[in-house]
Amino acid sequence: MWNDLCTGAYEGMIAETINIPGQGGTAVPVYYSRPLGVDEYPSIVLIPHMPGWDEWCRETARRFTQHGYGVMCPNIYHRVGNGKPADVAKRSMEAGGQYDADVMDDTKSCLDFLKMQKTSNGKVGVIGMCSGGRHAFMAACLIEGFDAAVDCWGGGVVQSEESLKPQQPVSPHTYTKQLNAPLLGIFGNDDRRPDRAEVDALEEELKKYGKDYEFHRYDGAGHGIWYYDKPMYRQEAAMDSFNKTLDFFARYLKTE
């Protein structure tokens, strides 16, 4: 849990940008943070949100590493070039957004890489916020090998037929039957994407297929509960849901 540490214990980490082999031979740039001084640990794939492959995502990766996880955050925007995160995200949006299939390929590349590391305990989770939450849900349905998934306010998990496009040809909630990992959902009741009705619809699908899930919904909170750099930040909801996320990952990923 947050701040549940021993002040006399050794603590260290390394964090860097590297390229890993992608599907079809294309390199995938990733931000990779992992603990030092630990022989074996679980891992997480953190799928970035629409604001881009930004400083917040990198800091969040290190935050999970401080709690004992190797974390890979892929640059899912690498196909539209480099630049400042906001500029790259803008180019992506102007092009219609990232193709779901490409994001799934990048996510699988991270999963494969993490599982091959000699420090891996064999357990890997996936998490994402905003559009990354949508992609995290999809990954847990479409990619074999994840042991836990966290959807943080993922907009567009439930989509109407009218909102589908070449980049997003299928509403992710229709994959629910294929969900192959326990799912944690973090939502604000004042959010408009996903709104309450969309969260309800996803929950009905999870119940329909008997999936292992838990949802936590927060009054007085909307989108982006954890984004401390924005007015949408909600301190109490953020810390409560972050602790719930740590507990969830510990239950399914840590083997001690």
Foldseek 3Di string as FASTA:
>chain_A
DPPPDDPPDDWDKDWDWDWFQFPPRDTWIKIKMATPPAQAFAEEEEEEALLFPAPVSNVVQVVVRRVTYIYIYTRLLPVQHDDHSNVSSVSQVVVVHAALVSSLRSSVRVQVVQCPDSRYPQAYEYEYFACSLLSQLLNQQPPPRHAETERELHFQLADDCVPADRSRNDRNLVSLLRRDYEYEYEAEQAEVRVHPVVVVVSVVSCVVNVGHYDYDYHYPAYGDCQPPVDPRHDVVSNVVVVVVVSVRCCVGTPDD
